Amino acid sequence: IPLVFLVYELVILRHSPELAAFRAIIILAILILIQNPIASYLRKEPISKGFLLGIKQIIEALVAGGKNMMGIGVAVSAAGIIVGVVTMGLGGIITEAIDVIARGNLIAILLLTAFASLILGMGLPTTANYIVMASLTAPVIVTLGAKSGLVVPLIAAHLFVFFFGILADDTPPVGLAAFAASAIAKSPPIPTGIQGFMYDIRTAILPFMFIFNTDLLLINVHSITHVAWIFFTGIIAMFAFAAATQRYFITKTKWYESILLLGVTFLILRPDYMVNKFHLAKNLKFLITGGGLVLYGLIFLIQKGRIKFAK
């Protein structure tokens, strides 16, 4: 319940992380104070015993949280020093460089920002990675996106750059995660990193869709049915994109099936593009997405038939 409330505060109400976390902690404390007395009552024990146990658990949790924050505080402090050093004009230089190279092309802006995030994220731990990305590359998307006529939500920009910043952990030649995995698998680190990167890249379209299709972040989504629809279609689109890039669905895909699967991904994740391109009614977005799902099902049936024929 506290986690659901935390997501609701951040995504739906769009409150600050500090306020959302504080309220989620309050909800958790209330649940503990209610749960333990009820459990004591059901066990036929004094209710006061359960209440005191709840208070003890809350105090222990606060102490444990403080201890855990010590390590994070050190990491954030170190990252703050790094950010303070590199942001002395570097953020503006990155923005100007990308603006000059991209020349207002939004796709080029995103690709260059993704590449910059990939380079800057190499060798950084997760917390420091996010701080650097949020300080250096996220403002690039927001600023240049606004110049190109696209209002990019701040959370979408942060998730975009953080995705590629974390992807650096599995990207040679630095690839800290790849080196750890190669030690476990007893395999060469660079080929391991390349293979890991190829597996990771199958979801690389998702952060781009965060920018163009904010429904995926549940922004301005208010009904449970709409949330369920976004969740279902998003999973199908990711399966389709992974099958297209890995050249394997339920069997090895032919070249034209890979192209069709990429088309399925586009129809499901960007139905608004078709609506705007051909000046269609906005309520046809669901019909376009449905067409992508039908095409996905047809490819599935074709491959299933090919497997049966081969047997």
Protein backbone atom coordinates (compact mmCIF):
# COMPACT_ATOMS: atom_id res chain seq x y z
CA ILE A 1 0.00 0.00 0.00
CA PRO A 2 2.74 2.57 0.83
CA LEU A 3 4.52 1.80 -2.46
CA VAL A 4 1.30 2.22 -4.45
CA PHE A 5 0.66 5.49 -2.60
CA LEU A 6 4.22 6.63 -3.36
CA VAL A 7 3.78 5.97 -7.09
CA TYR A 8 0.40 7.74 -7.00
CA GLU A 9 1.96 10.80 -5.35
CA LEU A 10 4.84 10.96 -7.82
CA VAL A 11 3.10 10.09 -11.10
CA ILE A 12 -0.52 11.16 -10.70
CA LEU A 13 -0.35 14.06 -8.23
CA ARG A 14 3.21 14.93 -9.35
CA HIS A 15 4.34 15.98 -5.88
CA SER A 16 8.01 16.38 -5.03
CA PRO A 17 9.92 13.18 -4.11
CA GLU A 18 10.48 14.50 -0.58
CA LEU A 19 6.78 15.13 0.07
CA ALA A 20 5.74 11.85 -1.58
CA ALA A 21 8.25 9.83 0.48
CA PHE A 22 7.24 11.59 3.71
CA ARG A 23 3.55 10.85 3.16
CA ALA A 24 4.29 7.22 2.20
CA ILE A 25 6.25 6.80 5.45
CA ILE A 26 3.32 8.25 7.43
CA ILE A 27 0.95 5.79 5.72
CA LEU A 28 3.31 2.91 6.55
CA ALA A 29 3.54 3.98 10.20
CA ILE A 30 -0.26 4.16 10.48
CA LEU A 31 -0.60 0.70 8.94
CA ILE A 32 1.91 -0.73 11.41
CA LEU A 33 0.07 0.83 14.36
CA ILE A 34 -3.22 -0.64 13.09
CA GLN A 35 -1.92 -4.03 11.98
CA ASN A 36 -0.11 -5.08 15.15
CA PRO A 37 -3.01 -4.46 17.59
CA ILE A 38 -5.37 -6.36 15.26
CA ALA A 39 -2.88 -9.25 15.12
CA SER A 40 -2.64 -9.23 18.92
CA TYR A 41 -6.44 -9.25 19.21
CA LEU A 42 -6.71 -12.23 16.86
CA ARG A 43 -4.05 -14.07 18.88
CA LYS A 44 -6.04 -13.23 22.04
CA GLU A 45 -3.17 -11.15 23.41
CA PRO A 46 -3.41 -7.68 24.99
CA ILE A 47 -3.96 -5.03 22.34
CA SER A 48 -1.48 -2.78 24.14
CA LYS A 49 1.23 -5.35 23.43
CA GLY A 50 0.65 -5.07 19.70
CA PHE A 51 0.56 -1.27 19.89
CA LEU A 52 3.89 -1.12 21.76
CA LEU A 53 5.39 -3.60 19.27
CA GLY A 54 4.29 -1.31 16.44
CA ILE A 55 5.97 1.70 18.06
CA LYS A 56 9.13 -0.36 18.54
CA GLN A 57 9.11 -1.41 14.87
CA ILE A 58 8.68 2.20 13.74
CA ILE A 59 11.61 3.36 15.89
CA GLU A 60 13.80 0.50 14.62
CA ALA A 61 12.84 1.34 11.03
CA LEU A 62 13.75 5.00 11.53
CA VAL A 63 17.12 4.03 13.02
CA ALA A 64 17.80 1.56 10.17
CA GLY A 65 16.79 4.20 7.63
CA GLY A 66 19.20 6.69 9.16
CA LYS A 67 22.05 4.17 9.06
CA ASN A 68 21.30 3.25 5.45
CA MET A 69 21.24 6.91 4.47
CA MET A 70 24.81 7.38 5.72
CA GLY A 71 26.25 5.50 2.75
CA ILE A 72 23.90 7.24 0.34
CA GLY A 73 24.78 10.60 1.87
CA VAL A 74 28.49 10.00 1.27
CA ALA A 75 27.79 8.97 -2.35
CA VAL A 76 25.57 11.99 -2.96
CA SER A 77 28.15 14.32 -1.41
CA ALA A 78 30.89 12.91 -3.63
CA ALA A 79 28.60 13.11 -6.65
CA GLY A 80 27.77 16.70 -5.73
CA ILE A 81 31.46 17.58 -5.86
CA ILE A 82 31.76 15.91 -9.26
CA VAL A 83 28.70 17.71 -10.56
CA GLY A 84 29.96 21.00 -9.16
CA VAL A 85 33.23 20.55 -11.04
CA VAL A 86 31.83 19.40 -14.39
CA THR A 87 28.90 21.80 -14.49
CA MET A 88 31.08 24.91 -14.47
CA GLY A 89 29.94 25.71 -17.98
CA LEU A 90 29.94 22.12 -19.25
CA GLY A 91 26.14 21.84 -19.26
CA GLY A 92 25.82 24.89 -21.49
CA ILE A 93 28.56 23.61 -23.79
CA ILE A 94 26.80 20.24 -24.19
CA THR A 95 23.51 21.97 -24.96
CA GLU A 96 25.11 24.27 -27.53
CA ALA A 97 27.06 21.45 -29.18
CA ILE A 98 23.99 19.23 -29.54
CA ASP A 99 21.93 22.18 -30.79
CA VAL A 100 24.51 23.00 -33.48
CA ILE A 101 24.88 19.39 -34.64
CA ALA A 102 21.17 18.48 -34.54
CA ARG A 103 20.00 21.74 -36.16
CA GLY A 104 16.59 21.53 -34.55
CA ASN A 105 15.90 17.90 -35.51
CA LEU A 106 14.26 16.38 -32.43
CA ILE A 107 15.27 12.78 -33.20
CA ALA A 108 18.88 13.89 -33.67
CA ILE A 109 18.71 15.79 -30.38
CA LEU A 110 17.53 12.67 -28.55
CA LEU A 111 20.12 10.41 -30.21
CA LEU A 112 22.96 12.80 -29.39
CA THR A 113 21.72 13.22 -25.83
CA ALA A 114 21.49 9.44 -25.45
CA PHE A 115 25.08 9.11 -26.69
CA ALA A 116 26.27 11.84 -24.32
CA SER A 117 24.50 10.14 -21.40
CA LEU A 118 26.09 6.83 -22.37
CA ILE A 119 29.57 8.37 -22.30
CA LEU A 120 29.08 10.44 -19.14
CA GLY A 121 27.55 7.48 -17.27
CA MET A 122 30.54 5.20 -17.71
CA GLY A 123 32.10 4.15 -14.43
CA LEU A 124 29.59 5.95 -12.21
CA PRO A 125 27.58 4.25 -9.44
CA THR A 126 23.81 4.47 -9.75
CA THR A 127 23.18 7.43 -7.43
CA ALA A 128 26.01 9.52 -8.85
CA ASN A 129 24.94 8.49 -12.35
CA TYR A 130 21.47 9.92 -11.88
CA ILE A 131 22.76 13.15 -10.36
CA VAL A 132 25.16 13.71 -13.25
CA MET A 133 22.52 12.86 -15.86
CA ALA A 134 19.92 15.10 -14.21
CA SER A 135 22.41 17.96 -14.03
CA LEU A 136 24.02 17.73 -17.46
CA THR A 137 21.89 15.98 -20.06
CA ALA A 138 18.27 16.17 -18.89
CA PRO A 139 18.18 19.98 -19.30
CA VAL A 140 19.36 19.51 -22.90
CA ILE A 141 16.18 17.63 -23.82
CA VAL A 142 13.89 20.07 -22.01
CA THR A 143 15.58 23.18 -23.45
CA LEU A 144 16.06 22.02 -27.04
CA GLY A 145 12.72 20.21 -27.06
CA ALA A 146 10.99 23.48 -26.19
CA LYS A 147 12.89 25.22 -29.01
CA SER A 148 11.61 22.52 -31.40
CA GLY A 149 8.03 23.02 -30.23
CA LEU A 150 7.75 19.96 -27.97
CA VAL A 151 7.00 20.37 -24.27
CA VAL A 152 8.87 17.51 -22.59
CA PRO A 153 7.77 16.62 -19.03
CA LEU A 154 10.70 16.75 -16.64
CA ILE A 155 10.15 13.18 -15.45
CA ALA A 156 10.28 11.95 -19.08
CA ALA A 157 13.59 13.74 -19.68
CA HIS A 158 15.07 12.34 -16.47
CA LEU A 159 13.98 8.77 -17.24
CA PHE A 160 15.38 9.09 -20.77
CA VAL A 161 18.87 10.18 -19.73
CA PHE A 162 18.96 7.86 -16.71
CA PHE A 163 18.18 4.85 -18.94
CA PHE A 164 21.21 5.52 -21.13
CA GLY A 165 23.35 6.54 -18.18
CA ILE A 166 22.71 3.17 -16.54
CA LEU A 167 23.18 1.41 -19.90
CA ALA A 168 26.81 2.53 -19.66
CA ASP A 169 27.32 -0.08 -16.92
CA ASP A 170 26.92 -2.78 -19.56
CA THR A 171 28.67 -1.03 -22.43
CA PRO A 172 32.33 -1.69 -23.32
CA PRO A 173 35.03 -0.66 -22.77
CA VAL A 174 34.18 0.48 -19.20
CA GLY A 175 31.07 -1.65 -18.48
CA LEU A 176 31.39 -2.33 -14.75
CA ALA A 177 28.43 -4.72 -14.76
CA ALA A 178 29.85 -6.53 -17.79
CA PHE A 179 33.17 -7.05 -15.99
CA ALA A 180 31.35 -8.43 -12.95
CA ALA A 181 29.26 -10.74 -15.15
CA SER A 182 32.34 -11.94 -17.04
CA ALA A 183 34.05 -12.84 -13.77
CA ILE A 184 31.03 -14.92 -12.74
CA ALA A 185 30.66 -16.57 -16.16
CA LYS A 186 34.44 -16.89 -16.63
CA SER A 187 34.17 -15.29 -20.06
CA PRO A 188 36.11 -12.47 -21.77
CA PRO A 189 34.86 -9.10 -20.46
CA ILE A 190 34.64 -7.19 -23.76
CA PRO A 191 32.62 -9.85 -25.68
CA THR A 192 30.45 -10.22 -22.57
CA GLY A 193 29.82 -6.48 -22.56
CA ILE A 194 28.99 -6.46 -26.27
CA GLN A 195 26.53 -9.33 -25.85
CA GLY A 196 24.97 -7.65 -22.83
CA PHE A 197 24.64 -4.39 -24.73
CA MET A 198 22.88 -6.19 -27.59
CA TYR A 199 20.40 -7.65 -25.10
CA ASP A 200 19.88 -4.27 -23.44
CA ILE A 201 19.32 -2.37 -26.67
CA ARG A 202 16.10 -4.29 -27.35
CA THR A 203 14.30 -1.96 -24.93
CA ALA A 204 16.08 1.21 -26.07
CA ILE A 205 12.97 2.42 -27.89
CA LEU A 206 11.09 2.77 -24.59
CA PRO A 207 12.84 5.95 -23.32
CA PHE A 208 12.23 7.56 -26.72
CA MET A 209 8.55 6.78 -26.33
CA PHE A 210 8.59 8.44 -22.89
CA ILE A 211 9.28 11.69 -24.74
CA PHE A 212 6.66 11.32 -27.48
CA ASN A 213 3.97 9.29 -25.70
CA THR A 214 3.59 10.50 -22.12
CA ASP A 215 0.68 8.09 -21.59
CA LEU A 216 3.36 5.47 -20.86
CA LEU A 217 4.26 7.51 -17.76
CA LEU A 218 0.56 7.69 -16.80
CA ILE A 219 0.58 11.47 -17.22
CA ASN A 220 -3.03 12.71 -17.51
CA VAL A 221 -4.27 9.12 -17.25
CA HIS A 222 -7.14 8.93 -14.77
CA SER A 223 -9.01 5.63 -15.28
CA ILE A 224 -8.05 2.10 -14.27
CA THR A 225 -9.11 0.71 -17.65
CA HIS A 226 -6.81 3.17 -19.43
CA VAL A 227 -3.93 2.17 -17.14
CA ALA A 228 -4.58 -1.52 -17.86
CA TRP A 229 -4.71 -0.81 -21.60
CA ILE A 230 -1.40 1.08 -21.51
CA PHE A 231 0.22 -1.70 -19.47
CA PHE A 232 -1.00 -4.43 -21.84
CA THR A 233 -0.12 -2.66 -25.09
CA GLY A 234 3.24 -1.53 -23.72
CA ILE A 235 4.24 -5.12 -22.96
CA ILE A 236 3.16 -6.27 -26.44
CA ALA A 237 5.12 -3.44 -28.06
CA MET A 238 8.26 -4.36 -26.11
CA PHE A 239 7.88 -8.02 -27.13
CA ALA A 240 7.49 -6.94 -30.76
CA PHE A 241 10.54 -4.65 -30.66
CA ALA A 242 12.67 -7.30 -28.93
CA ALA A 243 11.61 -9.90 -31.50
CA ALA A 244 12.44 -7.52 -34.36
CA THR A 245 15.88 -6.53 -33.04
CA GLN A 246 16.86 -10.04 -31.90
CA ARG A 247 15.49 -11.63 -35.11
CA TYR A 248 13.54 -14.21 -33.10
CA PHE A 249 9.85 -14.35 -32.15
CA ILE A 250 8.53 -17.87 -31.52
CA THR A 251 10.98 -18.98 -34.19
CA LYS A 252 13.64 -17.21 -36.23
CA THR A 253 12.08 -14.23 -37.98
CA LYS A 254 12.43 -13.52 -41.68
CA TRP A 255 13.58 -10.05 -42.75
CA TYR A 256 10.08 -8.90 -43.67
CA GLU A 257 8.69 -10.18 -40.36
CA SER A 258 11.25 -8.06 -38.50
CA ILE A 259 10.11 -5.01 -40.48
CA LEU A 260 6.46 -5.81 -39.71
CA LEU A 261 7.27 -6.22 -36.01
CA LEU A 262 8.93 -2.80 -36.00
CA GLY A 263 5.74 -1.49 -37.61
CA VAL A 264 3.71 -3.12 -34.84
CA THR A 265 5.88 -1.39 -32.24
CA PHE A 266 5.37 1.97 -33.92
CA LEU A 267 1.59 1.55 -34.32
CA ILE A 268 1.17 0.59 -30.66
CA LEU A 269 3.50 3.14 -29.09
CA ARG A 270 2.93 6.10 -31.46
CA PRO A 271 -0.69 6.01 -32.66
CA ASP A 272 -0.78 9.78 -32.19
CA TYR A 273 1.75 10.17 -35.03
CA MET A 274 -0.66 8.57 -37.49
CA VAL A 275 -3.49 10.72 -36.16
CA ASN A 276 -1.50 13.94 -36.59
CA LYS A 277 0.09 12.93 -39.90
CA PHE A 278 -3.19 12.13 -41.64
CA HIS A 279 -5.37 14.57 -39.65
CA LEU A 280 -7.54 11.80 -38.20
CA ALA A 281 -9.93 12.00 -35.27
CA LYS A 282 -8.17 11.59 -31.92
CA ASN A 283 -10.49 8.77 -30.86
CA LEU A 284 -9.00 6.67 -33.70
CA LYS A 285 -5.81 6.22 -31.65
CA PHE A 286 -7.28 3.11 -30.04
CA LEU A 287 -8.24 1.74 -33.47
CA ILE A 288 -4.67 2.25 -34.74
CA THR A 289 -3.27 0.52 -31.66
CA GLY A 290 -5.77 -2.30 -32.22
CA GLY A 291 -4.49 -2.63 -35.79
CA GLY A 292 -0.99 -3.09 -34.42
CA LEU A 293 -2.22 -5.81 -32.06
CA VAL A 294 -3.98 -7.59 -34.95
CA LEU A 295 -0.79 -7.48 -37.04
CA TYR A 296 1.15 -8.85 -34.06
CA GLY A 297 -1.32 -11.74 -33.81
CA LEU A 298 -1.05 -12.47 -37.54
CA ILE A 299 2.75 -12.68 -37.36
CA PHE A 300 2.40 -15.03 -34.39
CA LEU A 301 0.03 -17.30 -36.34
CA ILE A 302 2.27 -17.25 -39.43
CA GLN A 303 5.30 -18.32 -37.42
CA LYS A 304 3.30 -20.93 -35.54
CA GLY A 305 2.13 -22.37 -38.88
CA ARG A 306 5.71 -22.40 -40.15
CA ILE A 307 6.82 -24.38 -37.10
CA LYS A 308 4.06 -26.95 -37.64
CA PHE A 309 4.92 -27.21 -41.35
CA ALA A 310 8.60 -27.79 -40.51
CA LYS A 311 7.65 -30.68 -38.23
